[in-house]
Amino acid sequence: MEKVLVFGCKNTMDDICVGCSRCMVGFNRKAGEFERYKDDEVELIGILGCGGCPGMGTVPRLAQFGLWNSKLEEKPTKVHIAPCVSMHCPHAETIMKKVKAKAGVEVIEGTHPFLPENIFG
């Protein structure tokens, strides 16, 4: 079974995309980059923020996630980087490089396809 961790931007997660609903809906519908799991058994085991600009908390937060979940025997098999990081973060390149270097599992850029075309979309 695949176990997915979504990694996003703390500022966006806290202030703009409250509840990370588009990532959750995308996961539940297996839409966007989650379509790859359409024929697989898969669980979303977490949504984790970067810790804030400029992403200095990326590696420690990944480590904390692993520590907190180790007693539960829950470990992600895939990490998806949400669009709030991959498409909209000024520190995206550095953050994604850190995640890819330290996650120890496949890292996929993208989650949901529900990006509004304009502010009223």
PDB file of N, CA and C in Angstrom:
ATOM      1  N   MET A   1       0.847  -1.180   0.000  1.00  0.00           N
ATOM      2  CA  MET A   1       0.000   0.000   0.000  1.00  0.00           C
ATOM      3  C   MET A   1       0.888   1.237   0.000  1.00  0.00           C
ATOM      4  N   GLU A   2       0.522   2.206  -0.846  1.00  0.00           N
ATOM      5  CA  GLU A   2       1.238   3.473  -0.866  1.00  0.00           C
ATOM      6  C   GLU A   2       0.762   4.341   0.298  1.00  0.00           C
ATOM      7  N   LYS A   3       1.705   5.040   0.903  1.00  0.00           N
ATOM      8  CA  LYS A   3       1.405   5.976   1.991  1.00  0.00           C
ATOM      9  C   LYS A   3       1.984   7.325   1.594  1.00  0.00           C
ATOM     10  N   VAL A   4       1.100   8.299   1.436  1.00  0.00           N
ATOM     11  CA  VAL A   4       1.472   9.586   0.857  1.00  0.00           C
ATOM     12  C   VAL A   4       1.562  10.667   1.927  1.00  0.00           C
ATOM     13  N   LEU A   5       2.625  11.448   1.844  1.00  0.00           N
ATOM     14  CA  LEU A   5       2.795  12.662   2.630  1.00  0.00           C
ATOM     15  C   LEU A   5       2.781  13.828   1.657  1.00  0.00           C
ATOM     16  N   VAL A   6       1.935  14.822   1.916  1.00  0.00           N
ATOM     17  CA  VAL A   6       1.917  16.044   1.116  1.00  0.00           C
ATOM     18  C   VAL A   6       2.752  17.084   1.843  1.00  0.00           C
ATOM     19  N   PHE A   7       3.668  17.707   1.106  1.00  0.00           N
ATOM     20  CA  PHE A   7       4.543  18.725   1.672  1.00  0.00           C
ATOM     21  C   PHE A   7       4.195  20.061   1.035  1.00  0.00           C
ATOM     22  N   GLY A   8       3.840  21.050   1.863  1.00  0.00           N
ATOM     23  CA  GLY A   8       3.407  22.337   1.337  1.00  0.00           C
ATOM     24  C   GLY A   8       4.053  23.518   2.022  1.00  0.00           C
ATOM     25  N   CYS A   9       3.598  24.702   1.625  1.00  0.00           N
ATOM     26  CA  CYS A   9       4.083  25.965   2.151  1.00  0.00           C
ATOM     27  C   CYS A   9       3.334  26.326   3.426  1.00  0.00           C
ATOM     28  N   LYS A  10       4.055  26.549   4.511  1.00  0.00           N
ATOM     29  CA  LYS A  10       3.427  26.888   5.780  1.00  0.00           C
ATOM     30  C   LYS A  10       2.545  28.117   5.664  1.00  0.00           C
ATOM     31  N   ASN A  11       3.065  29.160   5.043  1.00  0.00           N
ATOM     32  CA  ASN A  11       2.301  30.408   4.951  1.00  0.00           C
ATOM     33  C   ASN A  11       1.011  30.210   4.166  1.00  0.00           C
ATOM     34  N   THR A  12       1.089  29.525   3.049  1.00  0.00           N
ATOM     35  CA  THR A  12      -0.107  29.267   2.257  1.00  0.00           C
ATOM     36  C   THR A  12      -1.074  28.372   3.018  1.00  0.00           C
ATOM     37  N   MET A  13      -0.544  27.316   3.634  1.00  0.00           N
ATOM     38  CA  MET A  13      -1.397  26.379   4.363  1.00  0.00           C
ATOM     39  C   MET A  13      -2.129  27.071   5.506  1.00  0.00           C
ATOM     40  N   ASP A  14      -1.459  27.987   6.190  1.00  0.00           N
ATOM     41  CA  ASP A  14      -2.052  28.655   7.349  1.00  0.00           C
ATOM     42  C   ASP A  14      -2.972  29.814   6.985  1.00  0.00           C
ATOM     43  N   ASP A  15      -2.639  30.541   5.921  1.00  0.00           N
ATOM     44  CA  ASP A  15      -3.329  31.800   5.667  1.00  0.00           C
ATOM     45  C   ASP A  15      -4.173  31.852   4.398  1.00  0.00           C
ATOM     46  N   ILE A  16      -3.894  31.012   3.419  1.00  0.00           N
ATOM     47  CA  ILE A  16      -4.583  31.138   2.135  1.00  0.00           C
ATOM     48  C   ILE A  16      -5.428  29.907   1.827  1.00  0.00           C
ATOM     49  N   CYS A  17      -4.829  28.763   1.866  1.00  0.00           N
ATOM     50  CA  CYS A  17      -5.516  27.517   1.494  1.00  0.00           C
ATOM     51  C   CYS A  17      -5.879  26.771   2.774  1.00  0.00           C
ATOM     52  N   VAL A  18      -6.607  27.428   3.626  1.00  0.00           N
ATOM     53  CA  VAL A  18      -6.904  26.906   4.957  1.00  0.00           C
ATOM     54  C   VAL A  18      -7.512  25.507   4.856  1.00  0.00           C
ATOM     55  N   GLY A  19      -6.934  24.583   5.599  1.00  0.00           N
ATOM     56  CA  GLY A  19      -7.411  23.206   5.598  1.00  0.00           C
ATOM     57  C   GLY A  19      -6.871  22.368   4.453  1.00  0.00           C
ATOM     58  N   CYS A  20      -6.100  22.987   3.572  1.00  0.00           N
ATOM     59  CA  CYS A  20      -5.505  22.273   2.433  1.00  0.00           C
ATOM     60  C   CYS A  20      -6.550  21.462   1.672  1.00  0.00           C
ATOM     61  N   SER A  21      -7.740  22.025   1.550  1.00  0.00           N
ATOM     62  CA  SER A  21      -8.863  21.284   0.989  1.00  0.00           C
ATOM     63  C   SER A  21      -8.626  20.833  -0.445  1.00  0.00           C
ATOM     64  N   ARG A  22      -7.958  21.639  -1.262  1.00  0.00           N
ATOM     65  CA  ARG A  22      -7.756  21.228  -2.652  1.00  0.00           C
ATOM     66  C   ARG A  22      -6.829  20.020  -2.741  1.00  0.00           C
ATOM     67  N   CYS A  23      -5.802  19.960  -1.917  1.00  0.00           N
ATOM     68  CA  CYS A  23      -4.947  18.764  -1.899  1.00  0.00           C
ATOM     69  C   CYS A  23      -5.738  17.547  -1.422  1.00  0.00           C
ATOM     70  N   MET A  24      -6.566  17.750  -0.405  1.00  0.00           N
ATOM     71  CA  MET A  24      -7.372  16.643   0.125  1.00  0.00           C
ATOM     72  C   MET A  24      -8.392  16.152  -0.917  1.00  0.00           C
ATOM     73  N   VAL A  25      -9.084  17.086  -1.565  1.00  0.00           N
ATOM     74  CA  VAL A  25     -10.061  16.706  -2.585  1.00  0.00           C
ATOM     75  C   VAL A  25      -9.358  16.005  -3.747  1.00  0.00           C
ATOM     76  N   GLY A  26      -8.224  16.550  -4.170  1.00  0.00           N
ATOM     77  CA  GLY A  26      -7.460  15.915  -5.236  1.00  0.00           C
ATOM     78  C   GLY A  26      -7.055  14.497  -4.874  1.00  0.00           C
ATOM     79  N   PHE A  27      -6.617  14.314  -3.644  1.00  0.00           N
ATOM     80  CA  PHE A  27      -6.234  12.977  -3.192  1.00  0.00           C
ATOM     81  C   PHE A  27      -7.444  12.050  -3.195  1.00  0.00           C
ATOM     82  N   ASN A  28      -8.550  12.493  -2.596  1.00  0.00           N
ATOM     83  CA  ASN A  28      -9.748  11.649  -2.504  1.00  0.00           C
ATOM     84  C   ASN A  28     -10.317  11.292  -3.868  1.00  0.00           C
ATOM     85  N   ARG A  29     -10.222  12.217  -4.817  1.00  0.00           N
ATOM     86  CA  ARG A  29     -10.730  11.967  -6.170  1.00  0.00           C
ATOM     87  C   ARG A  29      -9.690  11.310  -7.074  1.00  0.00           C
ATOM     88  N   LYS A  30      -8.469  11.189  -6.569  1.00  0.00           N
ATOM     89  CA  LYS A  30      -7.336  10.684  -7.347  1.00  0.00           C
ATOM     90  C   LYS A  30      -7.194  11.488  -8.638  1.00  0.00           C
ATOM     91  N   ALA A  31      -7.180  12.807  -8.459  1.00  0.00           N
ATOM     92  CA  ALA A  31      -7.065  13.747  -9.568  1.00  0.00           C
ATOM     93  C   ALA A  31      -5.679  14.379  -9.575  1.00  0.00           C
ATOM     94  N   GLY A  32      -5.291  14.940 -10.707  1.00  0.00           N
ATOM     95  CA  GLY A  32      -3.982  15.572 -10.817  1.00  0.00           C
ATOM     96  C   GLY A  32      -2.876  14.537 -10.683  1.00  0.00           C
ATOM     97  N   GLU A  33      -1.847  14.876  -9.937  1.00  0.00           N
ATOM     98  CA  GLU A  33      -0.725  13.949  -9.748  1.00  0.00           C
ATOM     99  C   GLU A  33      -1.111  12.717  -8.927  1.00  0.00           C
ATOM    100  N   PHE A  34      -2.251  12.786  -8.247  1.00  0.00           N
ATOM    101  CA  PHE A  34      -2.717  11.626  -7.488  1.00  0.00           C
ATOM    102  C   PHE A  34      -3.369  10.577  -8.396  1.00  0.00           C
ATOM    103  N   GLU A  35      -3.590  10.918  -9.653  1.00  0.00           N
ATOM    104  CA  GLU A  35      -4.192   9.977 -10.601  1.00  0.00           C
ATOM    105  C   GLU A  35      -3.340   8.714 -10.734  1.00  0.00           C
ATOM    106  N   ARG A  36      -2.061   8.851 -10.485  1.00  0.00           N
ATOM    107  CA  ARG A  36      -1.158   7.694 -10.584  1.00  0.00           C
ATOM    108  C   ARG A  36      -1.564   6.556  -9.646  1.00  0.00           C
ATOM    109  N   TYR A  37      -2.395   6.848  -8.634  1.00  0.00           N
ATOM    110  CA  TYR A  37      -2.823   5.834  -7.665  1.00  0.00           C
ATOM    111  C   TYR A  37      -4.209   5.284  -7.958  1.00  0.00           C
ATOM    112  N   LYS A  38      -4.783   5.594  -9.134  1.00  0.00           N
ATOM    113  CA  LYS A  38      -6.179   5.243  -9.401  1.00  0.00           C
ATOM    114  C   LYS A  38      -6.461   3.746  -9.263  1.00  0.00           C
ATOM    115  N   ASP A  39      -5.485   2.915  -9.482  1.00  0.00           N
ATOM    116  CA  ASP A  39      -5.692   1.470  -9.372  1.00  0.00           C
ATOM    117  C   ASP A  39      -5.005   0.871  -8.144  1.00  0.00           C
ATOM    118  N   ASP A  40      -4.544   1.729  -7.240  1.00  0.00           N
ATOM    119  CA  ASP A  40      -3.774   1.265  -6.090  1.00  0.00           C
ATOM    120  C   ASP A  40      -4.496   1.562  -4.779  1.00  0.00           C
ATOM    121  N   GLU A  41      -4.131   0.806  -3.777  1.00  0.00           N
ATOM    122  CA  GLU A  41      -4.577   1.115  -2.425  1.00  0.00           C
ATOM    123  C   GLU A  41      -3.605   2.166  -1.887  1.00  0.00           C
ATOM    124  N   VAL A  42      -4.142   3.281  -1.390  1.00  0.00           N
ATOM    125  CA  VAL A  42      -3.296   4.399  -0.984  1.00  0.00           C
ATOM    126  C   VAL A  42      -3.926   5.131   0.193  1.00  0.00           C
ATOM    127  N   GLU A  43      -3.085   5.617   1.085  1.00  0.00           N
ATOM    128  CA  GLU A  43      -3.543   6.407   2.233  1.00  0.00           C
ATOM    129  C   GLU A  43      -2.770   7.718   2.279  1.00  0.00           C
ATOM    130  N   LEU A  44      -3.467   8.771   2.682  1.00  0.00           N
ATOM    131  CA  LEU A  44      -2.816  10.045   2.962  1.00  0.00           C
ATOM    132  C   LEU A  44      -2.464  10.028   4.443  1.00  0.00           C
ATOM    133  N   ILE A  45      -1.173  10.039   4.765  1.00  0.00           N
ATOM    134  CA  ILE A  45      -0.787   9.936   6.176  1.00  0.00           C
ATOM    135  C   ILE A  45      -0.368  11.259   6.785  1.00  0.00           C
ATOM    136  N   GLY A  46      -0.319  12.319   5.963  1.00  0.00           N
ATOM    137  CA  GLY A  46       0.013  13.605   6.544  1.00  0.00           C
ATOM    138  C   GLY A  46       0.112  14.712   5.520  1.00  0.00           C
ATOM    139  N   ILE A  47      -0.081  15.933   6.023  1.00  0.00           N
ATOM    140  CA  ILE A  47       0.170  17.145   5.257  1.00  0.00           C
ATOM    141  C   ILE A  47       1.097  17.978   6.132  1.00  0.00           C
ATOM    142  N   LEU A  48       2.282  18.255   5.619  1.00  0.00           N
ATOM    143  CA  LEU A  48       3.338  18.877   6.409  1.00  0.00           C
ATOM    144  C   LEU A  48       3.790  20.170   5.758  1.00  0.00           C
ATOM    145  N   GLY A  49       3.880  21.225   6.536  1.00  0.00           N
ATOM    146  CA  GLY A  49       4.374  22.503   6.041  1.00  0.00           C
ATOM    147  C   GLY A  49       5.883  22.602   6.162  1.00  0.00           C
ATOM    148  N   CYS A  50       6.442  23.535   5.415  1.00  0.00           N
ATOM    149  CA  CYS A  50       7.898  23.719   5.347  1.00  0.00           C
ATOM    150  C   CYS A  50       8.489  24.351   6.608  1.00  0.00           C
ATOM    151  N   GLY A  51       7.652  24.977   7.416  1.00  0.00           N
ATOM    152  CA  GLY A  51       8.135  25.650   8.615  1.00  0.00           C
ATOM    153  C   GLY A  51       8.220  27.156   8.457  1.00  0.00           C
ATOM    154  N   GLY A  52       7.983  27.651   7.252  1.00  0.00           N
ATOM    155  CA  GLY A  52       8.035  29.093   7.006  1.00  0.00           C
ATOM    156  C   GLY A  52       9.249  29.484   6.190  1.00  0.00           C
ATOM    157  N   CYS A  53       9.165  30.662   5.603  1.00  0.00           N
ATOM    158  CA  CYS A  53      10.244  31.180   4.745  1.00  0.00           C
ATOM    159  C   CYS A  53      11.525  31.378   5.554  1.00  0.00           C
ATOM    160  N   PRO A  54      12.632  31.029   4.946  1.00  0.00           N
ATOM    161  CA  PRO A  54      12.866  30.575   3.579  1.00  0.00           C
ATOM    162  C   PRO A  54      12.951  29.048   3.448  1.00  0.00           C
ATOM    163  N   GLY A  55      12.258  28.321   4.288  1.00  0.00           N
ATOM    164  CA  GLY A  55      12.262  26.862   4.217  1.00  0.00           C
ATOM    165  C   GLY A  55      13.327  26.201   5.065  1.00  0.00           C
ATOM    166  N   MET A  56      13.844  26.939   6.047  1.00  0.00           N
ATOM    167  CA  MET A  56      14.892  26.379   6.918  1.00  0.00           C
ATOM    168  C   MET A  56      14.387  25.187   7.728  1.00  0.00           C
ATOM    169  N   GLY A  57      13.080  25.102   7.938  1.00  0.00           N
ATOM    170  CA  GLY A  57      12.510  24.016   8.732  1.00  0.00           C
ATOM    171  C   GLY A  57      12.213  22.759   7.940  1.00  0.00           C
ATOM    172  N   THR A  58      12.519  22.761   6.657  1.00  0.00           N
ATOM    173  CA  THR A  58      12.176  21.627   5.799  1.00  0.00           C
ATOM    174  C   THR A  58      12.728  20.305   6.327  1.00  0.00           C
ATOM    175  N   VAL A  59      14.013  20.213   6.500  1.00  0.00           N
ATOM    176  CA  VAL A  59      14.632  18.951   6.928  1.00  0.00           C
ATOM    177  C   VAL A  59      14.245  18.595   8.368  1.00  0.00           C
ATOM    178  N   PRO A  60      14.321  19.541   9.330  1.00  0.00           N
ATOM    179  CA  PRO A  60      13.902  19.187  10.690  1.00  0.00           C
ATOM    180  C   PRO A  60      12.438  18.744  10.766  1.00  0.00           C
ATOM    181  N   ARG A  61      11.554  19.364   9.989  1.00  0.00           N
ATOM    182  CA  ARG A  61      10.143  18.986  10.031  1.00  0.00           C
ATOM    183  C   ARG A  61       9.924  17.599   9.431  1.00  0.00           C
ATOM    184  N   LEU A  62      10.650  17.263   8.363  1.00  0.00           N
ATOM    185  CA  LEU A  62      10.573  15.903   7.822  1.00  0.00           C
ATOM    186  C   LEU A  62      11.052  14.895   8.866  1.00  0.00           C
ATOM    187  N   ALA A  63      12.140  15.239   9.562  1.00  0.00           N
ATOM    188  CA  ALA A  63      12.663  14.357  10.607  1.00  0.00           C
ATOM    189  C   ALA A  63      11.665  14.212  11.761  1.00  0.00           C
ATOM    190  N   GLN A  64      11.054  15.322  12.168  1.00  0.00           N
ATOM    191  CA  GLN A  64      10.048  15.265  13.234  1.00  0.00           C
ATOM    192  C   GLN A  64       8.868  14.411  12.824  1.00  0.00           C
ATOM    193  N   PHE A  65       8.439  14.552  11.584  1.00  0.00           N
ATOM    194  CA  PHE A  65       7.320  13.738  11.091  1.00  0.00           C
ATOM    195  C   PHE A  65       7.671  12.257  11.216  1.00  0.00           C
ATOM    196  N   GLY A  66       8.880  11.903  10.811  1.00  0.00           N
ATOM    197  CA  GLY A  66       9.319  10.513  10.916  1.00  0.00           C
ATOM    198  C   GLY A  66       9.382  10.041  12.354  1.00  0.00           C
ATOM    199  N   LEU A  67       9.893  10.895  13.250  1.00  0.00           N
ATOM    200  CA  LEU A  67       9.993  10.536  14.663  1.00  0.00           C
ATOM    201  C   LEU A  67       8.621  10.345  15.286  1.00  0.00           C
ATOM    202  N   TRP A  68       7.722  11.305  15.066  1.00  0.00           N
ATOM    203  CA  TRP A  68       6.376  11.235  15.654  1.00  0.00           C
ATOM    204  C   TRP A  68       5.614  10.013  15.183  1.00  0.00           C
ATOM    205  N   ASN A  69       5.833   9.604  13.937  1.00  0.00           N
ATOM    206  CA  ASN A  69       5.075   8.499  13.373  1.00  0.00           C
ATOM    207  C   ASN A  69       5.771   7.151  13.475  1.00  0.00           C
ATOM    208  N   SER A  70       7.009   7.125  13.962  1.00  0.00           N
ATOM    209  CA  SER A  70       7.747   5.864  14.027  1.00  0.00           C
ATOM    210  C   SER A  70       7.075   4.855  14.956  1.00  0.00           C
ATOM    211  N   LYS A  71       6.564   5.303  16.076  1.00  0.00           N
ATOM    212  CA  LYS A  71       5.894   4.374  17.004  1.00  0.00           C
ATOM    213  C   LYS A  71       4.570   3.870  16.433  1.00  0.00           C
ATOM    214  N   LEU A  72       4.012   4.620  15.484  1.00  0.00           N
ATOM    215  CA  LEU A  72       2.782   4.190  14.820  1.00  0.00           C
ATOM    216  C   LEU A  72       3.078   3.272  13.640  1.00  0.00           C
ATOM    217  N   GLU A  73       4.370   3.116  13.341  1.00  0.00           N
ATOM    218  CA  GLU A  73       4.830   2.339  12.194  1.00  0.00           C
ATOM    219  C   GLU A  73       4.224   2.859  10.898  1.00  0.00           C
ATOM    220  N   GLU A  74       4.162   4.193  10.797  1.00  0.00           N
ATOM    221  CA  GLU A  74       3.674   4.866   9.596  1.00  0.00           C
ATOM    222  C   GLU A  74       4.830   5.628   8.972  1.00  0.00           C
ATOM    223  N   LYS A  75       5.155   5.268   7.761  1.00  0.00           N
ATOM    224  CA  LYS A  75       6.236   5.926   7.043  1.00  0.00           C
ATOM    225  C   LYS A  75       5.766   6.174   5.616  1.00  0.00           C
ATOM    226  N   PRO A  76       5.945   7.399   5.117  1.00  0.00           N
ATOM    227  CA  PRO A  76       5.515   7.641   3.739  1.00  0.00           C
ATOM    228  C   PRO A  76       6.326   6.825   2.741  1.00  0.00           C
ATOM    229  N   THR A  77       5.645   6.391   1.705  1.00  0.00           N
ATOM    230  CA  THR A  77       6.321   5.736   0.586  1.00  0.00           C
ATOM    231  C   THR A  77       6.479   6.701  -0.580  1.00  0.00           C
ATOM    232  N   LYS A  78       5.725   7.798  -0.541  1.00  0.00           N
ATOM    233  CA  LYS A  78       5.808   8.847  -1.554  1.00  0.00           C
ATOM    234  C   LYS A  78       5.592  10.200  -0.873  1.00  0.00           C
ATOM    235  N   VAL A  79       6.282  11.226  -1.349  1.00  0.00           N
ATOM    236  CA  VAL A  79       6.062  12.594  -0.895  1.00  0.00           C
ATOM    237  C   VAL A  79       5.642  13.408  -2.120  1.00  0.00           C
ATOM    238  N   HIS A  80       4.509  14.087  -1.991  1.00  0.00           N
ATOM    239  CA  HIS A  80       4.048  14.984  -3.048  1.00  0.00           C
ATOM    240  C   HIS A  80       4.286  16.411  -2.593  1.00  0.00           C
ATOM    241  N   ILE A  81       4.911  17.211  -3.446  1.00  0.00           N
ATOM    242  CA  ILE A  81       5.125  18.622  -3.137  1.00  0.00           C
ATOM    243  C   ILE A  81       3.972  19.412  -3.745  1.00  0.00           C
ATOM    244  N   ALA A  82       3.234  20.088  -2.875  1.00  0.00           N
ATOM    245  CA  ALA A  82       2.038  20.815  -3.281  1.00  0.00           C
ATOM    246  C   ALA A  82       2.383  22.011  -4.164  1.00  0.00           C
ATOM    247  N   PRO A  83       1.410  22.458  -4.980  1.00  0.00           N
ATOM    248  CA  PRO A  83       1.648  23.609  -5.854  1.00  0.00           C
ATOM    249  C   PRO A  83       2.021  24.887  -5.105  1.00  0.00           C
ATOM    250  N   CYS A  84       1.603  25.011  -3.848  1.00  0.00           N
ATOM    251  CA  CYS A  84       1.962  26.206  -3.084  1.00  0.00           C
ATOM    252  C   CYS A  84       3.471  26.318  -2.916  1.00  0.00           C
ATOM    253  N   VAL A  85       4.186  25.202  -3.011  1.00  0.00           N
ATOM    254  CA  VAL A  85       5.645  25.239  -3.010  1.00  0.00           C
ATOM    255  C   VAL A  85       6.163  25.181  -4.447  1.00  0.00           C
ATOM    256  N   SER A  86       5.780  24.151  -5.180  1.00  0.00           N
ATOM    257  CA  SER A  86       6.391  23.904  -6.489  1.00  0.00           C
ATOM    258  C   SER A  86       6.125  25.006  -7.508  1.00  0.00           C
ATOM    259  N   MET A  87       4.985  25.708  -7.392  1.00  0.00           N
ATOM    260  CA  MET A  87       4.641  26.716  -8.399  1.00  0.00           C
ATOM    261  C   MET A  87       4.642  28.152  -7.879  1.00  0.00           C
ATOM    262  N   HIS A  88       4.534  28.327  -6.570  1.00  0.00           N
ATOM    263  CA  HIS A  88       4.306  29.675  -6.061  1.00  0.00           C
ATOM    264  C   HIS A  88       5.315  30.169  -5.026  1.00  0.00           C
ATOM    265  N   CYS A  89       6.244  29.346  -4.627  1.00  0.00           N
ATOM    266  CA  CYS A  89       7.169  29.721  -3.563  1.00  0.00           C
ATOM    267  C   CYS A  89       8.462  30.307  -4.143  1.00  0.00           C
ATOM    268  N   PRO A  90       8.907  31.455  -3.630  1.00  0.00           N
ATOM    269  CA  PRO A  90      10.180  32.005  -4.117  1.00  0.00           C
ATOM    270  C   PRO A  90      11.388  31.152  -3.712  1.00  0.00           C
ATOM    271  N   HIS A  91      11.200  30.235  -2.778  1.00  0.00           N
ATOM    272  CA  HIS A  91      12.283  29.365  -2.307  1.00  0.00           C
ATOM    273  C   HIS A  91      12.103  27.930  -2.789  1.00  0.00           C
ATOM    274  N   ALA A  92      11.237  27.736  -3.793  1.00  0.00           N
ATOM    275  CA  ALA A  92      10.851  26.393  -4.246  1.00  0.00           C
ATOM    276  C   ALA A  92      12.045  25.517  -4.612  1.00  0.00           C
ATOM    277  N   GLU A  93      12.967  26.043  -5.381  1.00  0.00           N
ATOM    278  CA  GLU A  93      14.093  25.237  -5.847  1.00  0.00           C
ATOM    279  C   GLU A  93      14.889  24.671  -4.672  1.00  0.00           C
ATOM    280  N   THR A  94      15.188  25.506  -3.697  1.00  0.00           N
ATOM    281  CA  THR A  94      15.953  25.071  -2.520  1.00  0.00           C
ATOM    282  C   THR A  94      15.163  24.067  -1.691  1.00  0.00           C
ATOM    283  N   ILE A  95      13.898  24.370  -1.458  1.00  0.00           N
ATOM    284  CA  ILE A  95      13.059  23.481  -0.646  1.00  0.00           C
ATOM    285  C   ILE A  95      12.913  22.117  -1.317  1.00  0.00           C
ATOM    286  N   MET A  96      12.610  22.103  -2.603  1.00  0.00           N
ATOM    287  CA  MET A  96      12.427  20.823  -3.295  1.00  0.00           C
ATOM    288  C   MET A  96      13.722  20.026  -3.331  1.00  0.00           C
ATOM    289  N   LYS A  97      14.850  20.699  -3.471  1.00  0.00           N
ATOM    290  CA  LYS A  97      16.146  20.019  -3.452  1.00  0.00           C
ATOM    291  C   LYS A  97      16.363  19.338  -2.097  1.00  0.00           C
ATOM    292  N   LYS A  98      16.025  20.038  -1.007  1.00  0.00           N
ATOM    293  CA  LYS A  98      16.168  19.470   0.337  1.00  0.00           C
ATOM    294  C   LYS A  98      15.258  18.260   0.529  1.00  0.00           C
ATOM    295  N   VAL A  99      14.001  18.378   0.113  1.00  0.00           N
ATOM    296  CA  VAL A  99      13.062  17.262   0.268  1.00  0.00           C
ATOM    297  C   VAL A  99      13.557  16.053  -0.511  1.00  0.00           C
ATOM    298  N   LYS A 100      13.959  16.274  -1.752  1.00  0.00           N
ATOM    299  CA  LYS A 100      14.429  15.159  -2.586  1.00  0.00           C
ATOM    300  C   LYS A 100      15.689  14.510  -2.011  1.00  0.00           C
ATOM    301  N   ALA A 101      16.550  15.314  -1.392  1.00  0.00           N
ATOM    302  CA  ALA A 101      17.788  14.780  -0.834  1.00  0.00           C
ATOM    303  C   ALA A 101      17.561  13.998   0.454  1.00  0.00           C
ATOM    304  N   LYS A 102      16.566  14.385   1.235  1.00  0.00           N
ATOM    305  CA  LYS A 102      16.412  13.819   2.579  1.00  0.00           C
ATOM    306  C   LYS A 102      15.231  12.886   2.771  1.00  0.00           C
ATOM    307  N   ALA A 103      14.250  12.889   1.880  1.00  0.00           N
ATOM    308  CA  ALA A 103      13.032  12.103   2.116  1.00  0.00           C
ATOM    309  C   ALA A 103      13.285  10.598   2.122  1.00  0.00           C
ATOM    310  N   GLY A 104      14.178  10.130   1.274  1.00  0.00           N
ATOM    311  CA  GLY A 104      14.455   8.696   1.225  1.00  0.00           C
ATOM    312  C   GLY A 104      13.392   7.896   0.486  1.00  0.00           C
ATOM    313  N   VAL A 105      12.425   8.596  -0.125  1.00  0.00           N
ATOM    314  CA  VAL A 105      11.383   7.965  -0.931  1.00  0.00           C
ATOM    315  C   VAL A 105      11.174   8.829  -2.175  1.00  0.00           C
ATOM    316  N   GLU A 106      10.387   8.327  -3.111  1.00  0.00           N
ATOM    317  CA  GLU A 106      10.111   9.100  -4.320  1.00  0.00           C
ATOM    318  C   GLU A 106       9.405  10.409  -3.973  1.00  0.00           C
ATOM    319  N   VAL A 107       9.860  11.495  -4.583  1.00  0.00           N
ATOM    320  CA  VAL A 107       9.264  12.810  -4.390  1.00  0.00           C
ATOM    321  C   VAL A 107       8.661  13.248  -5.716  1.00  0.00           C
ATOM    322  N   ILE A 108       7.383  13.615  -5.672  1.00  0.00           N
ATOM    323  CA  ILE A 108       6.630  13.975  -6.861  1.00  0.00           C
ATOM    324  C   ILE A 108       6.216  15.434  -6.760  1.00  0.00           C
ATOM    325  N   GLU A 109       6.507  16.211  -7.774  1.00  0.00           N
ATOM    326  CA  GLU A 109       6.096  17.612  -7.789  1.00  0.00           C
ATOM    327  C   GLU A 109       4.657  17.688  -8.269  1.00  0.00           C
ATOM    328  N   GLY A 110       3.775  18.149  -7.383  1.00  0.00           N
ATOM    329  CA  GLY A 110       2.381  18.336  -7.739  1.00  0.00           C
ATOM    330  C   GLY A 110       1.444  17.481  -6.906  1.00  0.00           C
ATOM    331  N   THR A 111       0.233  17.997  -6.781  1.00  0.00           N
ATOM    332  CA  THR A 111      -0.831  17.286  -6.074  1.00  0.00           C
ATOM    333  C   THR A 111      -2.106  17.398  -6.895  1.00  0.00           C
ATOM    334  N   HIS A 112      -2.900  18.423  -6.632  1.00  0.00           N
ATOM    335  CA  HIS A 112      -4.217  18.593  -7.263  1.00  0.00           C
ATOM    336  C   HIS A 112      -4.134  19.443  -8.537  1.00  0.00           C
ATOM    337  N   PRO A 113      -5.179  19.343  -9.392  1.00  0.00           N
ATOM    338  CA  PRO A 113      -5.220  20.165 -10.604  1.00  0.00           C
ATOM    339  C   PRO A 113      -6.122  21.392 -10.474  1.00  0.00           C
ATOM    340  N   PHE A 114      -6.536  21.727  -9.274  1.00  0.00           N
ATOM    341  CA  PHE A 114      -7.577  22.730  -9.063  1.00  0.00           C
ATOM    342  C   PHE A 114      -7.023  24.129  -8.825  1.00  0.00           C
ATOM    343  N   LEU A 115      -6.196  24.607  -9.729  1.00  0.00           N
ATOM    344  CA  LEU A 115      -5.612  25.934  -9.602  1.00  0.00           C
ATOM    345  C   LEU A 115      -6.534  26.952 -10.276  1.00  0.00           C
ATOM    346  N   PRO A 116      -6.966  27.958  -9.560  1.00  0.00           N
ATOM    347  CA  PRO A 116      -7.863  28.944 -10.171  1.00  0.00           C
ATOM    348  C   PRO A 116      -7.133  29.765 -11.238  1.00  0.00           C
ATOM    349  N   GLU A 117      -7.866  30.101 -12.292  1.00  0.00           N
ATOM    350  CA  GLU A 117      -7.269  30.906 -13.357  1.00  0.00           C
ATOM    351  C   GLU A 117      -7.165  32.367 -12.953  1.00  0.00           C
ATOM    352  N   ASN A 118      -8.055  32.790 -12.069  1.00  0.00           N
ATOM    353  CA  ASN A 118      -8.001  34.166 -11.590  1.00  0.00           C
ATOM    354  C   ASN A 118      -8.515  34.206 -10.154  1.00  0.00           C
ATOM    355  N   ILE A 119      -8.424  35.333  -9.539  1.00  0.00           N
ATOM    356  CA  ILE A 119      -8.755  35.433  -8.120  1.00  0.00           C
ATOM    357  C   ILE A 119     -10.222  35.128  -7.832  1.00  0.00           C
ATOM    358  N   PHE A 120     -11.101  35.301  -8.828  1.00  0.00           N
ATOM    359  CA  PHE A 120     -12.513  35.028  -8.611  1.00  0.00           C
ATOM    360  C   PHE A 120     -12.927  33.674  -9.188  1.00  0.00           C
ATOM    361  N   GLY A 121     -11.908  32.868  -9.635  1.00  0.00           N
ATOM    362  CA  GLY A 121     -12.191  31.583 -10.252  1.00  0.00           C
ATOM    363  C   GLY A 121     -12.580  30.604  -9.264  1.00  0.00           C
TER     364      GLY A 121
END
